[in-house]
Amino acid sequence: GALGATNNNYQRQAPIVPSALASPTP
């Protein structure tokens, strides 16, 4: 808001997380 970002230029997006993140990794 302080940067005056009222458009989508600074739209926070959810990180692209692989589906395998939910399980332990060998």
mmCIF file of all heavy atoms, coordinates in Angstrom:
data_MODEL
# 
_entry.id   MODEL 
# 
loop_
_atom_site.group_PDB 
_atom_site.id 
_atom_site.type_symbol 
_atom_site.label_atom_id 
_atom_site.label_alt_id 
_atom_site.label_comp_id 
_atom_site.label_asym_id 
_atom_site.label_entity_id 
_atom_site.label_seq_id 
_atom_site.pdbx_PDB_ins_code 
_atom_site.Cartn_x 
_atom_site.Cartn_y 
_atom_site.Cartn_z 
_atom_site.occupancy 
_atom_site.B_iso_or_equiv 
_atom_site.pdbx_formal_charge 
_atom_site.auth_seq_id 
_atom_site.auth_comp_id 
_atom_site.auth_asym_id 
_atom_site.auth_atom_id 
_atom_site.pdbx_PDB_model_num 
ATOM 1   N N   . GLY A 1 1  ? 0.813  -1.210  0.000   1.00 0.00 ? 1  GLY A N   1 
ATOM 2   C CA  . GLY A 1 1  ? 0.000  0.000   0.000   1.00 0.00 ? 1  GLY A CA  1 
ATOM 3   C C   . GLY A 1 1  ? 0.845  1.258   0.000   1.00 0.00 ? 1  GLY A C   1 
ATOM 4   O O   . GLY A 1 1  ? 0.530  2.248   -0.669  1.00 0.00 ? 1  GLY A O   1 
ATOM 5   N N   . ALA A 1 2  ? 1.965  1.232   0.746   1.00 0.00 ? 2  ALA A N   1 
ATOM 6   C CA  . ALA A 1 2  ? 2.841  2.396   0.833   1.00 0.00 ? 2  ALA A CA  1 
ATOM 7   C C   . ALA A 1 2  ? 3.488  2.719   -0.504  1.00 0.00 ? 2  ALA A C   1 
ATOM 8   O O   . ALA A 1 2  ? 3.795  3.873   -0.798  1.00 0.00 ? 2  ALA A O   1 
ATOM 9   C CB  . ALA A 1 2  ? 3.926  2.155   1.890   1.00 0.00 ? 2  ALA A CB  1 
ATOM 10  N N   . LEU A 1 3  ? 3.684  1.677   -1.319  1.00 0.00 ? 3  LEU A N   1 
ATOM 11  C CA  . LEU A 1 3  ? 4.273  1.885   -2.641  1.00 0.00 ? 3  LEU A CA  1 
ATOM 12  C C   . LEU A 1 3  ? 3.225  2.310   -3.660  1.00 0.00 ? 3  LEU A C   1 
ATOM 13  O O   . LEU A 1 3  ? 3.537  2.508   -4.834  1.00 0.00 ? 3  LEU A O   1 
ATOM 14  C CB  . LEU A 1 3  ? 4.968  0.600   -3.114  1.00 0.00 ? 3  LEU A CB  1 
ATOM 15  C CG  . LEU A 1 3  ? 6.267  0.245   -2.380  1.00 0.00 ? 3  LEU A CG  1 
ATOM 16  C CD1 . LEU A 1 3  ? 6.735  -1.145  -2.751  1.00 0.00 ? 3  LEU A CD1 1 
ATOM 17  C CD2 . LEU A 1 3  ? 7.347  1.265   -2.686  1.00 0.00 ? 3  LEU A CD2 1 
ATOM 18  N N   . GLY A 1 4  ? 1.978  2.397   -3.211  1.00 0.00 ? 4  GLY A N   1 
ATOM 19  C CA  . GLY A 1 4  ? 0.913  2.812   -4.118  1.00 0.00 ? 4  GLY A CA  1 
ATOM 20  C C   . GLY A 1 4  ? 0.576  1.737   -5.117  1.00 0.00 ? 4  GLY A C   1 
ATOM 21  O O   . GLY A 1 4  ? 0.134  2.024   -6.234  1.00 0.00 ? 4  GLY A O   1 
ATOM 22  N N   . ALA A 1 5  ? 0.801  0.486   -4.711  1.00 0.00 ? 5  ALA A N   1 
ATOM 23  C CA  . ALA A 1 5  ? 0.553  -0.634  -5.624  1.00 0.00 ? 5  ALA A CA  1 
ATOM 24  C C   . ALA A 1 5  ? -0.906 -1.049  -5.551  1.00 0.00 ? 5  ALA A C   1 
ATOM 25  O O   . ALA A 1 5  ? -1.264 -2.010  -4.886  1.00 0.00 ? 5  ALA A O   1 
ATOM 26  C CB  . ALA A 1 5  ? 1.461  -1.807  -5.266  1.00 0.00 ? 5  ALA A CB  1 
ATOM 27  N N   . THR A 1 6  ? -1.764 -0.319  -6.221  1.00 0.00 ? 6  THR A N   1 
ATOM 28  C CA  . THR A 1 6  ? -3.195 -0.631  -6.195  1.00 0.00 ? 6  THR A CA  1 
ATOM 29  C C   . THR A 1 6  ? -3.577 -1.587  -7.307  1.00 0.00 ? 6  THR A C   1 
ATOM 30  O O   . THR A 1 6  ? -4.684 -2.098  -7.341  1.00 0.00 ? 6  THR A O   1 
ATOM 31  C CB  . THR A 1 6  ? -4.016 0.656   -6.360  1.00 0.00 ? 6  THR A CB  1 
ATOM 32  O OG1 . THR A 1 6  ? -3.603 1.326   -7.565  1.00 0.00 ? 6  THR A OG1 1 
ATOM 33  C CG2 . THR A 1 6  ? -3.787 1.579   -5.179  1.00 0.00 ? 6  THR A CG2 1 
ATOM 34  N N   . ASN A 1 7  ? -2.631 -1.831  -8.235  1.00 0.00 ? 7  ASN A N   1 
ATOM 35  C CA  . ASN A 1 7  ? -2.942 -2.772  -9.323  1.00 0.00 ? 7  ASN A CA  1 
ATOM 36  C C   . ASN A 1 7  ? -2.388 -4.143  -8.982  1.00 0.00 ? 7  ASN A C   1 
ATOM 37  O O   . ASN A 1 7  ? -2.018 -4.423  -7.862  1.00 0.00 ? 7  ASN A O   1 
ATOM 38  C CB  . ASN A 1 7  ? -2.368 -2.266  -10.650 1.00 0.00 ? 7  ASN A CB  1 
ATOM 39  C CG  . ASN A 1 7  ? -0.891 -1.937  -10.520 1.00 0.00 ? 7  ASN A CG  1 
ATOM 40  O OD1 . ASN A 1 7  ? -0.195 -2.553  -9.721  1.00 0.00 ? 7  ASN A OD1 1 
ATOM 41  N ND2 . ASN A 1 7  ? -0.427 -0.977  -11.295 1.00 0.00 ? 7  ASN A ND2 1 
ATOM 42  N N   . ASN A 1 8  ? -2.261 -4.984  -9.979  1.00 0.00 ? 8  ASN A N   1 
ATOM 43  C CA  . ASN A 1 8  ? -1.813 -6.363  -9.749  1.00 0.00 ? 8  ASN A CA  1 
ATOM 44  C C   . ASN A 1 8  ? -0.299 -6.512  -9.821  1.00 0.00 ? 8  ASN A C   1 
ATOM 45  O O   . ASN A 1 8  ? 0.217  -7.614  -9.739  1.00 0.00 ? 8  ASN A O   1 
ATOM 46  C CB  . ASN A 1 8  ? -2.458 -7.305  -10.779 1.00 0.00 ? 8  ASN A CB  1 
ATOM 47  C CG  . ASN A 1 8  ? -3.943 -7.470  -10.535 1.00 0.00 ? 8  ASN A CG  1 
ATOM 48  O OD1 . ASN A 1 8  ? -4.382 -7.417  -9.395  1.00 0.00 ? 8  ASN A OD1 1 
ATOM 49  N ND2 . ASN A 1 8  ? -4.700 -7.647  -11.609 1.00 0.00 ? 8  ASN A ND2 1 
ATOM 50  N N   . ASN A 1 9  ? 0.416  -5.365  -9.995  1.00 0.00 ? 9  ASN A N   1 
ATOM 51  C CA  . ASN A 1 9  ? 1.864  -5.466  -10.126 1.00 0.00 ? 9  ASN A CA  1 
ATOM 52  C C   . ASN A 1 9  ? 2.527  -6.068  -8.893  1.00 0.00 ? 9  ASN A C   1 
ATOM 53  O O   . ASN A 1 9  ? 3.545  -6.718  -8.976  1.00 0.00 ? 9  ASN A O   1 
ATOM 54  C CB  . ASN A 1 9  ? 2.470  -4.079  -10.388 1.00 0.00 ? 9  ASN A CB  1 
ATOM 55  C CG  . ASN A 1 9  ? 2.215  -3.618  -11.809 1.00 0.00 ? 9  ASN A CG  1 
ATOM 56  O OD1 . ASN A 1 9  ? 1.804  -4.409  -12.643 1.00 0.00 ? 9  ASN A OD1 1 
ATOM 57  N ND2 . ASN A 1 9  ? 2.438  -2.344  -12.064 1.00 0.00 ? 9  ASN A ND2 1 
ATOM 58  N N   . TYR A 1 10 ? 1.911  -5.798  -7.724  1.00 0.00 ? 10 TYR A N   1 
ATOM 59  C CA  . TYR A 1 10 ? 2.486  -6.306  -6.482  1.00 0.00 ? 10 TYR A CA  1 
ATOM 60  C C   . TYR A 1 10 ? 1.562  -7.326  -5.831  1.00 0.00 ? 10 TYR A C   1 
ATOM 61  O O   . TYR A 1 10 ? 1.560  -7.479  -4.630  1.00 0.00 ? 10 TYR A O   1 
ATOM 62  C CB  . TYR A 1 10 ? 2.732  -5.147  -5.508  1.00 0.00 ? 10 TYR A CB  1 
ATOM 63  C CG  . TYR A 1 10 ? 3.709  -4.137  -6.036  1.00 0.00 ? 10 TYR A CG  1 
ATOM 64  C CD1 . TYR A 1 10 ? 3.250  -2.976  -6.638  1.00 0.00 ? 10 TYR A CD1 1 
ATOM 65  C CD2 . TYR A 1 10 ? 5.072  -4.358  -5.945  1.00 0.00 ? 10 TYR A CD2 1 
ATOM 66  C CE1 . TYR A 1 10 ? 4.149  -2.037  -7.128  1.00 0.00 ? 10 TYR A CE1 1 
ATOM 67  C CE2 . TYR A 1 10 ? 5.973  -3.423  -6.426  1.00 0.00 ? 10 TYR A CE2 1 
ATOM 68  C CZ  . TYR A 1 10 ? 5.503  -2.264  -7.016  1.00 0.00 ? 10 TYR A CZ  1 
ATOM 69  O OH  . TYR A 1 10 ? 6.388  -1.346  -7.487  1.00 0.00 ? 10 TYR A OH  1 
ATOM 70  N N   . GLN A 1 11 ? 0.761  -7.989  -6.625  1.00 0.00 ? 11 GLN A N   1 
ATOM 71  C CA  . GLN A 1 11 ? -0.183 -8.974  -6.098  1.00 0.00 ? 11 GLN A CA  1 
ATOM 72  C C   . GLN A 1 11 ? 0.568  -10.143 -5.503  1.00 0.00 ? 11 GLN A C   1 
ATOM 73  O O   . GLN A 1 11 ? 1.376  -10.784 -6.180  1.00 0.00 ? 11 GLN A O   1 
ATOM 74  C CB  . GLN A 1 11 ? -1.099 -9.480  -7.222  1.00 0.00 ? 11 GLN A CB  1 
ATOM 75  C CG  . GLN A 1 11 ? -2.161 -10.468 -6.765  1.00 0.00 ? 11 GLN A CG  1 
ATOM 76  C CD  . GLN A 1 11 ? -3.183 -9.813  -5.862  1.00 0.00 ? 11 GLN A CD  1 
ATOM 77  O OE1 . GLN A 1 11 ? -3.544 -8.662  -6.059  1.00 0.00 ? 11 GLN A OE1 1 
ATOM 78  N NE2 . GLN A 1 11 ? -3.641 -10.550 -4.879  1.00 0.00 ? 11 GLN A NE2 1 
ATOM 79  N N   . ARG A 1 12 ? 0.342  -10.392 -4.229  1.00 0.00 ? 12 ARG A N   1 
ATOM 80  C CA  . ARG A 1 12 ? 1.006  -11.537 -3.614  1.00 0.00 ? 12 ARG A CA  1 
ATOM 81  C C   . ARG A 1 12 ? 0.392  -12.814 -4.148  1.00 0.00 ? 12 ARG A C   1 
ATOM 82  O O   . ARG A 1 12 ? -0.798 -12.997 -4.172  1.00 0.00 ? 12 ARG A O   1 
ATOM 83  C CB  . ARG A 1 12 ? 0.860  -11.513 -2.096  1.00 0.00 ? 12 ARG A CB  1 
ATOM 84  C CG  . ARG A 1 12 ? 1.474  -12.756 -1.444  1.00 0.00 ? 12 ARG A CG  1 
ATOM 85  C CD  . ARG A 1 12 ? 1.203  -12.795 0.024   1.00 0.00 ? 12 ARG A CD  1 
ATOM 86  N NE  . ARG A 1 12 ? 1.984  -11.794 0.711   1.00 0.00 ? 12 ARG A NE  1 
ATOM 87  C CZ  . ARG A 1 12 ? 1.839  -11.555 2.012   1.00 0.00 ? 12 ARG A CZ  1 
ATOM 88  N NH1 . ARG A 1 12 ? 0.973  -12.217 2.704   1.00 0.00 ? 12 ARG A NH1 1 
ATOM 89  N NH2 . ARG A 1 12 ? 2.568  -10.640 2.599   1.00 0.00 ? 12 ARG A NH2 1 
ATOM 90  N N   . GLN A 1 13 ? 1.259  -13.701 -4.567  1.00 0.00 ? 13 GLN A N   1 
ATOM 91  C CA  . GLN A 1 13 ? 0.803  -14.978 -5.097  1.00 0.00 ? 13 GLN A CA  1 
ATOM 92  C C   . GLN A 1 13 ? 1.289  -16.090 -4.190  1.00 0.00 ? 13 GLN A C   1 
ATOM 93  O O   . GLN A 1 13 ? 2.362  -16.003 -3.606  1.00 0.00 ? 13 GLN A O   1 
ATOM 94  C CB  . GLN A 1 13 ? 1.352  -15.199 -6.511  1.00 0.00 ? 13 GLN A CB  1 
ATOM 95  C CG  . GLN A 1 13 ? 0.912  -14.106 -7.486  1.00 0.00 ? 13 GLN A CG  1 
ATOM 96  C CD  . GLN A 1 13 ? 1.587  -14.260 -8.832  1.00 0.00 ? 13 GLN A CD  1 
ATOM 97  O OE1 . GLN A 1 13 ? 2.443  -15.104 -9.004  1.00 0.00 ? 13 GLN A OE1 1 
ATOM 98  N NE2 . GLN A 1 13 ? 1.193  -13.432 -9.775  1.00 0.00 ? 13 GLN A NE2 1 
ATOM 99  N N   . ALA A 1 14 ? 0.490  -17.126 -4.097  1.00 0.00 ? 14 ALA A N   1 
ATOM 100 C CA  . ALA A 1 14 ? 0.895  -18.272 -3.278  1.00 0.00 ? 14 ALA A CA  1 
ATOM 101 C C   . ALA A 1 14 ? 2.074  -18.949 -3.948  1.00 0.00 ? 14 ALA A C   1 
ATOM 102 O O   . ALA A 1 14 ? 2.126  -19.055 -5.167  1.00 0.00 ? 14 ALA A O   1 
ATOM 103 C CB  . ALA A 1 14 ? -0.268 -19.260 -3.166  1.00 0.00 ? 14 ALA A CB  1 
ATOM 104 N N   . PRO A 1 15 ? 3.070  -19.364 -3.186  1.00 0.00 ? 15 PRO A N   1 
ATOM 105 C CA  . PRO A 1 15 ? 4.224  -20.036 -3.758  1.00 0.00 ? 15 PRO A CA  1 
ATOM 106 C C   . PRO A 1 15 ? 3.812  -21.273 -4.527  1.00 0.00 ? 15 PRO A C   1 
ATOM 107 O O   . PRO A 1 15 ? 2.870  -21.970 -4.140  1.00 0.00 ? 15 PRO A O   1 
ATOM 108 C CB  . PRO A 1 15 ? 5.068  -20.418 -2.532  1.00 0.00 ? 15 PRO A CB  1 
ATOM 109 C CG  . PRO A 1 15 ? 4.609  -19.484 -1.470  1.00 0.00 ? 15 PRO A CG  1 
ATOM 110 C CD  . PRO A 1 15 ? 3.162  -19.242 -1.740  1.00 0.00 ? 15 PRO A CD  1 
ATOM 111 N N   . ILE A 1 16 ? 4.505  -21.548 -5.623  1.00 0.00 ? 16 ILE A N   1 
ATOM 112 C CA  . ILE A 1 16 ? 4.228  -22.740 -6.407  1.00 0.00 ? 16 ILE A CA  1 
ATOM 113 C C   . ILE A 1 16 ? 4.939  -23.889 -5.729  1.00 0.00 ? 16 ILE A C   1 
ATOM 114 O O   . ILE A 1 16 ? 6.155  -24.047 -5.846  1.00 0.00 ? 16 ILE A O   1 
ATOM 115 C CB  . ILE A 1 16 ? 4.740  -22.576 -7.847  1.00 0.00 ? 16 ILE A CB  1 
ATOM 116 C CG1 . ILE A 1 16 ? 4.081  -21.353 -8.483  1.00 0.00 ? 16 ILE A CG1 1 
ATOM 117 C CG2 . ILE A 1 16 ? 4.462  -23.819 -8.665  1.00 0.00 ? 16 ILE A CG2 1 
ATOM 118 C CD1 . ILE A 1 16 ? 4.632  -21.002 -9.844  1.00 0.00 ? 16 ILE A CD1 1 
ATOM 119 N N   . VAL A 1 17 ? 4.197  -24.659 -4.986  1.00 0.00 ? 17 VAL A N   1 
ATOM 120 C CA  . VAL A 1 17 ? 4.783  -25.735 -4.200  1.00 0.00 ? 17 VAL A CA  1 
ATOM 121 C C   . VAL A 1 17 ? 4.421  -27.088 -4.802  1.00 0.00 ? 17 VAL A C   1 
ATOM 122 O O   . VAL A 1 17 ? 3.251  -27.381 -5.012  1.00 0.00 ? 17 VAL A O   1 
ATOM 123 C CB  . VAL A 1 17 ? 4.259  -25.690 -2.742  1.00 0.00 ? 17 VAL A CB  1 
ATOM 124 C CG1 . VAL A 1 17 ? 4.912  -26.773 -1.923  1.00 0.00 ? 17 VAL A CG1 1 
ATOM 125 C CG2 . VAL A 1 17 ? 4.532  -24.330 -2.142  1.00 0.00 ? 17 VAL A CG2 1 
ATOM 126 N N   . PRO A 1 18 ? 5.417  -27.920 -5.129  1.00 0.00 ? 18 PRO A N   1 
ATOM 127 C CA  . PRO A 1 18 ? 5.135  -29.238 -5.681  1.00 0.00 ? 18 PRO A CA  1 
ATOM 128 C C   . PRO A 1 18 ? 4.261  -30.051 -4.750  1.00 0.00 ? 18 PRO A C   1 
ATOM 129 O O   . PRO A 1 18 ? 4.337  -29.921 -3.536  1.00 0.00 ? 18 PRO A O   1 
ATOM 130 C CB  . PRO A 1 18 ? 6.543  -29.867 -5.800  1.00 0.00 ? 18 PRO A CB  1 
ATOM 131 C CG  . PRO A 1 18 ? 7.479  -28.702 -5.841  1.00 0.00 ? 18 PRO A CG  1 
ATOM 132 C CD  . PRO A 1 18 ? 6.843  -27.647 -4.994  1.00 0.00 ? 18 PRO A CD  1 
ATOM 133 N N   . SER A 1 19 ? 3.430  -30.921 -5.328  1.00 0.00 ? 19 SER A N   1 
ATOM 134 C CA  . SER A 1 19 ? 2.512  -31.726 -4.518  1.00 0.00 ? 19 SER A CA  1 
ATOM 135 C C   . SER A 1 19 ? 3.252  -32.646 -3.567  1.00 0.00 ? 19 SER A C   1 
ATOM 136 O O   . SER A 1 19 ? 2.740  -33.034 -2.534  1.00 0.00 ? 19 SER A O   1 
ATOM 137 C CB  . SER A 1 19 ? 1.616  -32.568 -5.438  1.00 0.00 ? 19 SER A CB  1 
ATOM 138 O OG  . SER A 1 19 ? 2.407  -33.401 -6.271  1.00 0.00 ? 19 SER A OG  1 
ATOM 139 N N   . ALA A 1 20 ? 4.482  -32.981 -3.907  1.00 0.00 ? 20 ALA A N   1 
ATOM 140 C CA  . ALA A 1 20 ? 5.256  -33.900 -3.067  1.00 0.00 ? 20 ALA A CA  1 
ATOM 141 C C   . ALA A 1 20 ? 5.700  -33.263 -1.761  1.00 0.00 ? 20 ALA A C   1 
ATOM 142 O O   . ALA A 1 20 ? 6.239  -33.925 -0.889  1.00 0.00 ? 20 ALA A O   1 
ATOM 143 C CB  . ALA A 1 20 ? 6.498  -34.388 -3.836  1.00 0.00 ? 20 ALA A CB  1 
ATOM 144 N N   . LEU A 1 21 ? 5.465  -31.961 -1.606  1.00 0.00 ? 21 LEU A N   1 
ATOM 145 C CA  . LEU A 1 21 ? 5.918  -31.287 -0.391  1.00 0.00 ? 21 LEU A CA  1 
ATOM 146 C C   . LEU A 1 21 ? 5.234  -31.807 0.849   1.00 0.00 ? 21 LEU A C   1 
ATOM 147 O O   . LEU A 1 21 ? 5.743  -31.676 1.949   1.00 0.00 ? 21 LEU A O   1 
ATOM 148 C CB  . LEU A 1 21 ? 5.650  -29.782 -0.494  1.00 0.00 ? 21 LEU A CB  1 
ATOM 149 C CG  . LEU A 1 21 ? 6.473  -29.029 -1.539  1.00 0.00 ? 21 LEU A CG  1 
ATOM 150 C CD1 . LEU A 1 21 ? 6.103  -27.563 -1.496  1.00 0.00 ? 21 LEU A CD1 1 
ATOM 151 C CD2 . LEU A 1 21 ? 7.954  -29.184 -1.301  1.00 0.00 ? 21 LEU A CD2 1 
ATOM 152 N N   . ALA A 1 22 ? 4.058  -32.378 0.692   1.00 0.00 ? 22 ALA A N   1 
ATOM 153 C CA  . ALA A 1 22 ? 3.292  -32.807 1.854   1.00 0.00 ? 22 ALA A CA  1 
ATOM 154 C C   . ALA A 1 22 ? 3.861  -34.068 2.481   1.00 0.00 ? 22 ALA A C   1 
ATOM 155 O O   . ALA A 1 22 ? 3.499  -34.434 3.586   1.00 0.00 ? 22 ALA A O   1 
ATOM 156 C CB  . ALA A 1 22 ? 1.835  -33.054 1.455   1.00 0.00 ? 22 ALA A CB  1 
ATOM 157 N N   . SER A 1 23 ? 4.755  -34.761 1.784   1.00 0.00 ? 23 SER A N   1 
ATOM 158 C CA  . SER A 1 23 ? 5.274  -36.019 2.303   1.00 0.00 ? 23 SER A CA  1 
ATOM 159 C C   . SER A 1 23 ? 6.771  -35.933 2.542   1.00 0.00 ? 23 SER A C   1 
ATOM 160 O O   . SER A 1 23 ? 7.471  -35.142 1.919   1.00 0.00 ? 23 SER A O   1 
ATOM 161 C CB  . SER A 1 23 ? 4.990  -37.155 1.313   1.00 0.00 ? 23 SER A CB  1 
ATOM 162 O OG  . SER A 1 23 ? 5.575  -36.857 0.062   1.00 0.00 ? 23 SER A OG  1 
ATOM 163 N N   . PRO A 1 24 ? 7.308  -36.770 3.450   1.00 0.00 ? 24 PRO A N   1 
ATOM 164 C CA  . PRO A 1 24 ? 8.734  -36.776 3.731   1.00 0.00 ? 24 PRO A CA  1 
ATOM 165 C C   . PRO A 1 24 ? 9.519  -37.133 2.484   1.00 0.00 ? 24 PRO A C   1 
ATOM 166 O O   . PRO A 1 24 ? 9.038  -37.859 1.623   1.00 0.00 ? 24 PRO A O   1 
ATOM 167 C CB  . PRO A 1 24 ? 8.879  -37.870 4.803   1.00 0.00 ? 24 PRO A CB  1 
ATOM 168 C CG  . PRO A 1 24 ? 7.526  -37.971 5.410   1.00 0.00 ? 24 PRO A CG  1 
ATOM 169 C CD  . PRO A 1 24 ? 6.564  -37.692 4.295   1.00 0.00 ? 24 PRO A CD  1 
ATOM 170 N N   . THR A 1 25 ? 10.742 -36.635 2.379   1.00 0.00 ? 25 THR A N   1 
ATOM 171 C CA  . THR A 1 25 ? 11.569 -36.866 1.215   1.00 0.00 ? 25 THR A CA  1 
ATOM 172 C C   . THR A 1 25 ? 12.715 -37.804 1.536   1.00 0.00 ? 25 THR A C   1 
ATOM 173 O O   . THR A 1 25 ? 13.454 -37.572 2.486   1.00 0.00 ? 25 THR A O   1 
ATOM 174 C CB  . THR A 1 25 ? 12.162 -35.528 0.725   1.00 0.00 ? 25 THR A CB  1 
ATOM 175 O OG1 . THR A 1 25 ? 11.093 -34.619 0.534   1.00 0.00 ? 25 THR A OG1 1 
ATOM 176 C CG2 . THR A 1 25 ? 12.916 -35.712 -0.569  1.00 0.00 ? 25 THR A CG2 1 
ATOM 177 N N   . PRO A 1 26 ? 12.914 -38.869 0.744   1.00 0.00 ? 26 PRO A N   1 
ATOM 178 C CA  . PRO A 1 26 ? 14.029 -39.775 0.968   1.00 0.00 ? 26 PRO A CA  1 
ATOM 179 C C   . PRO A 1 26 ? 15.349 -39.037 0.794   1.00 0.00 ? 26 PRO A C   1 
ATOM 180 O O   . PRO A 1 26 ? 15.462 -38.133 -0.023  1.00 0.00 ? 26 PRO A O   1 
ATOM 181 C CB  . PRO A 1 26 ? 13.840 -40.841 -0.129  1.00 0.00 ? 26 PRO A CB  1 
ATOM 182 C CG  . PRO A 1 26 ? 12.408 -40.733 -0.538  1.00 0.00 ? 26 PRO A CG  1 
ATOM 183 C CD  . PRO A 1 26 ? 12.056 -39.292 -0.359  1.00 0.00 ? 26 PRO A CD  1 
# 
